[in-house]
Amino acid sequence: EKFSIGTEYKSSMYQMLQDIMMVNKIEKNKVMYYLNKIDSNLNTQRIYLRIMKENKWIDKHKFQVAIEQIYEIGKIIIKSHNKIADKCYNKLNKNNVVAIKGEIDSQMEVIANEIYIL
């Protein structure tokens, strides 16, 4: 199981890197979808790292370095997310219409996948 969780961790990292590259290439209204996917991959990677540390498959130093890197990527994702949210808010203040395509999670929070400024 030690090697399969490492493989899953690497796969998650590679998928996240692909999604990060997509954010720069896609239409603006689909950026939120990829930011949510990246955030989900970061959370999954944190879980994998904790499992590997608890089972002593990685040492504390490697765990700490990896967690700090994930934390830094997460900060960048939050900044991007907030930038998009601010842009939508400013458009609303200018009496423009903003359509958000997404879903509502179990805590009644909106998960935006696509944003259209009309």
N, C-alpha and C. Protein backbone atom coordinates (compact mmCIF):
# COMPACT_ATOMS: atom_id res chain seq x y z
N GLU A 1 0.82 -1.20 0.00
CA GLU A 1 0.00 0.00 0.00
C GLU A 1 0.86 1.26 0.00
N LYS A 2 2.06 1.14 0.53
CA LYS A 2 2.98 2.27 0.60
C LYS A 2 3.23 2.87 -0.79
N PHE A 3 3.43 2.01 -1.77
CA PHE A 3 3.76 2.49 -3.10
C PHE A 3 2.52 2.98 -3.84
N SER A 4 1.36 2.39 -3.57
CA SER A 4 0.16 2.82 -4.28
C SER A 4 -0.28 4.22 -3.83
N ILE A 5 -0.12 4.54 -2.54
CA ILE A 5 -0.50 5.87 -2.09
C ILE A 5 0.48 6.91 -2.64
N GLY A 6 1.74 6.53 -2.79
CA GLY A 6 2.72 7.42 -3.42
C GLY A 6 2.37 7.68 -4.87
N THR A 7 1.91 6.64 -5.55
CA THR A 7 1.49 6.78 -6.95
C THR A 7 0.27 7.69 -7.05
N GLU A 8 -0.68 7.49 -6.14
CA GLU A 8 -1.88 8.34 -6.12
C GLU A 8 -1.51 9.80 -5.86
N TYR A 9 -0.57 10.01 -4.95
CA TYR A 9 -0.10 11.36 -4.63
C TYR A 9 0.52 12.01 -5.86
N LYS A 10 1.39 11.27 -6.56
CA LYS A 10 2.01 11.81 -7.77
C LYS A 10 0.97 12.09 -8.85
N SER A 11 0.01 11.20 -9.02
CA SER A 11 -1.05 11.41 -10.02
C SER A 11 -1.83 12.68 -9.70
N SER A 12 -2.14 12.87 -8.42
CA SER A 12 -2.86 14.07 -8.00
C SER A 12 -2.04 15.33 -8.29
N MET A 13 -0.74 15.27 -8.05
CA MET A 13 0.14 16.41 -8.35
C MET A 13 0.15 16.72 -9.84
N TYR A 14 0.28 15.69 -10.67
CA TYR A 14 0.33 15.90 -12.11
C TYR A 14 -1.00 16.45 -12.63
N GLN A 15 -2.11 15.95 -12.09
CA GLN A 15 -3.43 16.46 -12.50
C GLN A 15 -3.56 17.93 -12.11
N MET A 16 -3.08 18.28 -10.91
CA MET A 16 -3.14 19.67 -10.46
C MET A 16 -2.29 20.56 -11.36
N LEU A 17 -1.12 20.10 -11.76
CA LEU A 17 -0.27 20.88 -12.65
C LEU A 17 -0.95 21.12 -13.99
N GLN A 18 -1.62 20.09 -14.51
CA GLN A 18 -2.37 20.25 -15.75
C GLN A 18 -3.47 21.30 -15.59
N ASP A 19 -4.17 21.25 -14.47
CA ASP A 19 -5.25 22.21 -14.22
C ASP A 19 -4.70 23.63 -14.08
N ILE A 20 -3.54 23.77 -13.44
CA ILE A 20 -2.92 25.09 -13.31
C ILE A 20 -2.58 25.64 -14.70
N MET A 21 -2.06 24.78 -15.56
CA MET A 21 -1.74 25.23 -16.92
C MET A 21 -3.01 25.60 -17.69
N MET A 22 -4.10 24.88 -17.44
CA MET A 22 -5.36 25.18 -18.12
C MET A 22 -5.92 26.53 -17.72
N VAL A 23 -5.73 26.92 -16.47
CA VAL A 23 -6.27 28.19 -15.99
C VAL A 23 -5.79 29.35 -16.86
N ASN A 24 -4.56 29.27 -17.34
CA ASN A 24 -4.01 30.34 -18.16
C ASN A 24 -4.45 30.27 -19.62
N LYS A 25 -5.08 29.18 -20.01
CA LYS A 25 -5.41 28.98 -21.42
C LYS A 25 -6.91 29.02 -21.74
N ILE A 26 -7.75 28.98 -20.73
CA ILE A 26 -9.18 28.82 -20.99
C ILE A 26 -9.92 30.15 -20.92
N GLU A 27 -11.19 30.09 -21.30
CA GLU A 27 -12.06 31.26 -21.22
C GLU A 27 -12.22 31.68 -19.77
N LYS A 28 -12.37 32.96 -19.55
CA LYS A 28 -12.45 33.50 -18.19
C LYS A 28 -13.61 32.92 -17.39
N ASN A 29 -14.70 32.58 -18.06
CA ASN A 29 -15.88 32.09 -17.33
C ASN A 29 -15.72 30.67 -16.80
N LYS A 30 -14.65 29.97 -17.20
CA LYS A 30 -14.44 28.60 -16.72
C LYS A 30 -13.30 28.50 -15.71
N VAL A 31 -12.72 29.62 -15.36
CA VAL A 31 -11.58 29.62 -14.44
C VAL A 31 -11.97 29.08 -13.07
N MET A 32 -13.14 29.46 -12.57
CA MET A 32 -13.57 29.01 -11.24
C MET A 32 -13.63 27.49 -11.15
N TYR A 33 -14.08 26.85 -12.21
CA TYR A 33 -14.14 25.39 -12.22
C TYR A 33 -12.76 24.79 -11.97
N TYR A 34 -11.75 25.30 -12.67
CA TYR A 34 -10.40 24.78 -12.51
C TYR A 34 -9.79 25.16 -11.17
N LEU A 35 -10.09 26.35 -10.66
CA LEU A 35 -9.60 26.72 -9.34
C LEU A 35 -10.17 25.79 -8.27
N ASN A 36 -11.44 25.42 -8.41
CA ASN A 36 -12.05 24.47 -7.47
C ASN A 36 -11.41 23.09 -7.58
N LYS A 37 -11.11 22.67 -8.83
CA LYS A 37 -10.44 21.37 -9.02
C LYS A 37 -9.05 21.38 -8.38
N ILE A 38 -8.32 22.47 -8.56
CA ILE A 38 -6.97 22.58 -7.98
C ILE A 38 -7.06 22.53 -6.47
N ASP A 39 -8.02 23.26 -5.90
CA ASP A 39 -8.20 23.26 -4.45
C ASP A 39 -8.53 21.86 -3.93
N SER A 40 -9.36 21.15 -4.67
CA SER A 40 -9.71 19.78 -4.29
C SER A 40 -8.47 18.88 -4.32
N ASN A 41 -7.65 19.02 -5.34
CA ASN A 41 -6.42 18.23 -5.43
C ASN A 41 -5.46 18.57 -4.29
N LEU A 42 -5.39 19.83 -3.90
CA LEU A 42 -4.53 20.21 -2.78
C LEU A 42 -4.99 19.54 -1.49
N ASN A 43 -6.30 19.52 -1.26
CA ASN A 43 -6.84 18.87 -0.07
C ASN A 43 -6.56 17.37 -0.09
N THR A 44 -6.69 16.76 -1.25
CA THR A 44 -6.40 15.33 -1.40
C THR A 44 -4.92 15.06 -1.11
N GLN A 45 -4.06 15.92 -1.61
CA GLN A 45 -2.62 15.74 -1.37
C GLN A 45 -2.28 15.87 0.11
N ARG A 46 -2.94 16.79 0.79
CA ARG A 46 -2.71 16.93 2.25
C ARG A 46 -3.07 15.63 2.97
N ILE A 47 -4.18 15.03 2.57
CA ILE A 47 -4.61 13.77 3.19
C ILE A 47 -3.59 12.67 2.92
N TYR A 48 -3.14 12.55 1.66
CA TYR A 48 -2.14 11.54 1.33
C TYR A 48 -0.88 11.74 2.17
N LEU A 49 -0.44 12.99 2.30
CA LEU A 49 0.77 13.26 3.08
C LEU A 49 0.59 12.87 4.54
N ARG A 50 -0.57 13.17 5.11
CA ARG A 50 -0.81 12.81 6.52
C ARG A 50 -0.79 11.29 6.70
N ILE A 51 -1.39 10.58 5.76
CA ILE A 51 -1.39 9.11 5.84
C ILE A 51 0.04 8.60 5.76
N MET A 52 0.82 9.15 4.84
CA MET A 52 2.21 8.69 4.69
C MET A 52 3.02 9.00 5.93
N LYS A 53 2.78 10.15 6.56
CA LYS A 53 3.52 10.51 7.77
C LYS A 53 3.11 9.62 8.94
N GLU A 54 1.80 9.40 9.11
CA GLU A 54 1.32 8.57 10.22
C GLU A 54 1.84 7.14 10.12
N ASN A 55 2.00 6.64 8.91
CA ASN A 55 2.53 5.29 8.72
C ASN A 55 4.05 5.26 8.64
N LYS A 56 4.67 6.43 8.84
CA LYS A 56 6.13 6.57 8.84
C LYS A 56 6.74 6.17 7.49
N TRP A 57 5.99 6.42 6.41
CA TRP A 57 6.53 6.19 5.08
C TRP A 57 7.36 7.37 4.61
N ILE A 58 7.12 8.54 5.22
CA ILE A 58 7.97 9.72 4.99
C ILE A 58 8.32 10.29 6.36
N ASP A 59 9.46 10.96 6.43
CA ASP A 59 9.86 11.53 7.72
C ASP A 59 9.20 12.90 7.93
N LYS A 60 9.34 13.42 9.13
CA LYS A 60 8.69 14.69 9.48
C LYS A 60 9.18 15.84 8.63
N HIS A 61 10.45 15.84 8.30
CA HIS A 61 11.00 16.93 7.49
C HIS A 61 10.38 16.96 6.09
N LYS A 62 10.32 15.81 5.43
CA LYS A 62 9.71 15.74 4.09
C LYS A 62 8.24 16.14 4.15
N PHE A 63 7.56 15.68 5.20
CA PHE A 63 6.16 16.04 5.39
C PHE A 63 6.02 17.56 5.51
N GLN A 64 6.84 18.17 6.34
CA GLN A 64 6.75 19.61 6.59
C GLN A 64 7.03 20.41 5.32
N VAL A 65 8.03 20.02 4.57
CA VAL A 65 8.37 20.71 3.32
C VAL A 65 7.22 20.62 2.33
N ALA A 66 6.66 19.43 2.16
CA ALA A 66 5.56 19.23 1.21
C ALA A 66 4.32 20.01 1.64
N ILE A 67 3.99 19.98 2.93
CA ILE A 67 2.82 20.71 3.42
C ILE A 67 2.98 22.21 3.21
N GLU A 68 4.19 22.73 3.44
CA GLU A 68 4.43 24.16 3.23
C GLU A 68 4.29 24.53 1.76
N GLN A 69 4.73 23.68 0.86
CA GLN A 69 4.57 23.95 -0.57
C GLN A 69 3.10 23.93 -0.97
N ILE A 70 2.36 22.98 -0.44
CA ILE A 70 0.92 22.92 -0.73
C ILE A 70 0.23 24.17 -0.18
N TYR A 71 0.64 24.60 1.00
CA TYR A 71 0.08 25.81 1.61
C TYR A 71 0.32 27.03 0.72
N GLU A 72 1.52 27.16 0.17
CA GLU A 72 1.83 28.30 -0.70
C GLU A 72 1.00 28.27 -1.98
N ILE A 73 0.84 27.10 -2.57
CA ILE A 73 -0.01 26.98 -3.76
C ILE A 73 -1.45 27.35 -3.40
N GLY A 74 -1.90 26.90 -2.25
CA GLY A 74 -3.26 27.23 -1.79
C GLY A 74 -3.46 28.73 -1.64
N LYS A 75 -2.45 29.44 -1.14
CA LYS A 75 -2.55 30.90 -1.00
C LYS A 75 -2.71 31.56 -2.37
N ILE A 76 -2.00 31.06 -3.36
CA ILE A 76 -2.12 31.61 -4.72
C ILE A 76 -3.52 31.36 -5.26
N ILE A 77 -4.05 30.17 -5.03
CA ILE A 77 -5.40 29.84 -5.51
C ILE A 77 -6.44 30.75 -4.85
N ILE A 78 -6.28 30.99 -3.56
CA ILE A 78 -7.22 31.87 -2.85
C ILE A 78 -7.15 33.28 -3.42
N LYS A 79 -5.94 33.77 -3.71
CA LYS A 79 -5.81 35.11 -4.30
C LYS A 79 -6.52 35.18 -5.64
N SER A 80 -6.35 34.14 -6.46
CA SER A 80 -7.01 34.11 -7.77
C SER A 80 -8.52 34.08 -7.61
N HIS A 81 -8.99 33.27 -6.68
CA HIS A 81 -10.42 33.16 -6.42
C HIS A 81 -10.98 34.51 -5.97
N ASN A 82 -10.28 35.17 -5.05
CA ASN A 82 -10.74 36.47 -4.54
C ASN A 82 -10.72 37.53 -5.62
N LYS A 83 -9.75 37.46 -6.51
CA LYS A 83 -9.66 38.43 -7.60
C LYS A 83 -10.89 38.31 -8.51
N ILE A 84 -11.28 37.09 -8.82
CA ILE A 84 -12.46 36.87 -9.66
C ILE A 84 -13.71 37.33 -8.93
N ALA A 85 -13.80 37.02 -7.64
CA ALA A 85 -14.97 37.44 -6.85
C ALA A 85 -15.07 38.96 -6.79
N ASP A 86 -13.94 39.65 -6.62
CA ASP A 86 -13.93 41.11 -6.60
C ASP A 86 -14.38 41.68 -7.93
N LYS A 87 -13.92 41.07 -9.00
CA LYS A 87 -14.31 41.53 -10.34
C LYS A 87 -15.83 41.42 -10.53
N CYS A 88 -16.39 40.30 -10.09
CA CYS A 88 -17.84 40.12 -10.20
C CYS A 88 -18.58 41.14 -9.34
N TYR A 89 -18.08 41.38 -8.14
CA TYR A 89 -18.71 42.35 -7.25
C TYR A 89 -18.67 43.75 -7.86
N ASN A 90 -17.54 44.11 -8.45
CA ASN A 90 -17.44 45.43 -9.09
C ASN A 90 -18.39 45.54 -10.26
N LYS A 91 -18.55 44.47 -11.02
CA LYS A 91 -19.50 44.49 -12.13
C LYS A 91 -20.92 44.64 -11.62
N LEU A 92 -21.24 44.00 -10.49
CA LEU A 92 -22.57 44.14 -9.91
C LEU A 92 -22.82 45.58 -9.46
N ASN A 93 -21.80 46.21 -8.92
CA ASN A 93 -21.93 47.60 -8.47
C ASN A 93 -22.16 48.56 -9.63
N LYS A 94 -21.75 48.16 -10.81
CA LYS A 94 -21.95 49.00 -12.00
C LYS A 94 -23.25 48.65 -12.71
N ASN A 95 -24.13 47.95 -12.03
CA ASN A 95 -25.45 47.56 -12.54
C ASN A 95 -25.37 46.59 -13.71
N ASN A 96 -24.29 45.84 -13.80
CA ASN A 96 -24.20 44.77 -14.79
C ASN A 96 -24.81 43.51 -14.19
N VAL A 97 -25.14 42.58 -15.04
CA VAL A 97 -25.71 41.32 -14.59
C VAL A 97 -24.62 40.25 -14.60
N VAL A 98 -24.52 39.51 -13.52
CA VAL A 98 -23.55 38.43 -13.43
C VAL A 98 -24.32 37.12 -13.23
N ALA A 99 -24.06 36.15 -14.10
CA ALA A 99 -24.68 34.84 -13.97
C ALA A 99 -23.62 33.86 -13.47
N ILE A 100 -23.96 33.10 -12.44
CA ILE A 100 -23.03 32.13 -11.88
C ILE A 100 -23.62 30.74 -12.06
N LYS A 101 -22.87 29.88 -12.71
CA LYS A 101 -23.28 28.49 -12.90
C LYS A 101 -22.49 27.65 -11.91
N GLY A 102 -23.17 26.93 -11.06
CA GLY A 102 -22.47 26.13 -10.07
C GLY A 102 -23.44 25.26 -9.30
N GLU A 103 -23.11 25.06 -8.03
CA GLU A 103 -23.95 24.21 -7.18
C GLU A 103 -23.88 24.72 -5.75
N ILE A 104 -24.78 24.23 -4.93
CA ILE A 104 -24.79 24.58 -3.52
C ILE A 104 -24.41 23.34 -2.74
N ASP A 105 -23.40 23.48 -1.86
CA ASP A 105 -22.95 22.31 -1.10
C ASP A 105 -23.84 22.09 0.12
N SER A 106 -23.49 21.10 0.92
CA SER A 106 -24.31 20.72 2.07
C SER A 106 -24.39 21.81 3.14
N GLN A 107 -23.44 22.76 3.12
CA GLN A 107 -23.46 23.85 4.10
C GLN A 107 -24.08 25.11 3.50
N MET A 108 -24.79 24.94 2.39
CA MET A 108 -25.49 26.03 1.71
C MET A 108 -24.54 27.12 1.21
N GLU A 109 -23.33 26.73 0.83
CA GLU A 109 -22.39 27.65 0.23
C GLU A 109 -22.37 27.40 -1.28
N VAL A 110 -22.24 28.47 -2.05
CA VAL A 110 -22.24 28.36 -3.51
C VAL A 110 -20.85 27.97 -3.99
N ILE A 111 -20.80 26.94 -4.82
CA ILE A 111 -19.56 26.54 -5.47
C ILE A 111 -19.71 26.95 -6.94
N ALA A 112 -19.02 28.01 -7.30
CA ALA A 112 -19.14 28.55 -8.66
C ALA A 112 -18.22 27.79 -9.61
N ASN A 113 -18.78 27.28 -10.68
CA ASN A 113 -17.99 26.60 -11.70
C ASN A 113 -17.74 27.51 -12.90
N GLU A 114 -18.71 28.33 -13.24
CA GLU A 114 -18.57 29.24 -14.37
C GLU A 114 -19.21 30.57 -14.00
N ILE A 115 -18.62 31.66 -14.46
CA ILE A 115 -19.15 32.99 -14.18
C ILE A 115 -19.27 33.73 -15.52
N TYR A 116 -20.42 34.30 -15.75
CA TYR A 116 -20.68 35.08 -16.97
C TYR A 116 -21.02 36.50 -16.56
N ILE A 117 -20.36 37.46 -17.19
CA ILE A 117 -20.69 38.85 -16.95
C ILE A 117 -21.44 39.33 -18.19
N LEU A 118 -22.70 39.67 -17.99
CA LEU A 118 -23.58 40.02 -19.12
C LEU A 118 -23.66 41.51 -19.31
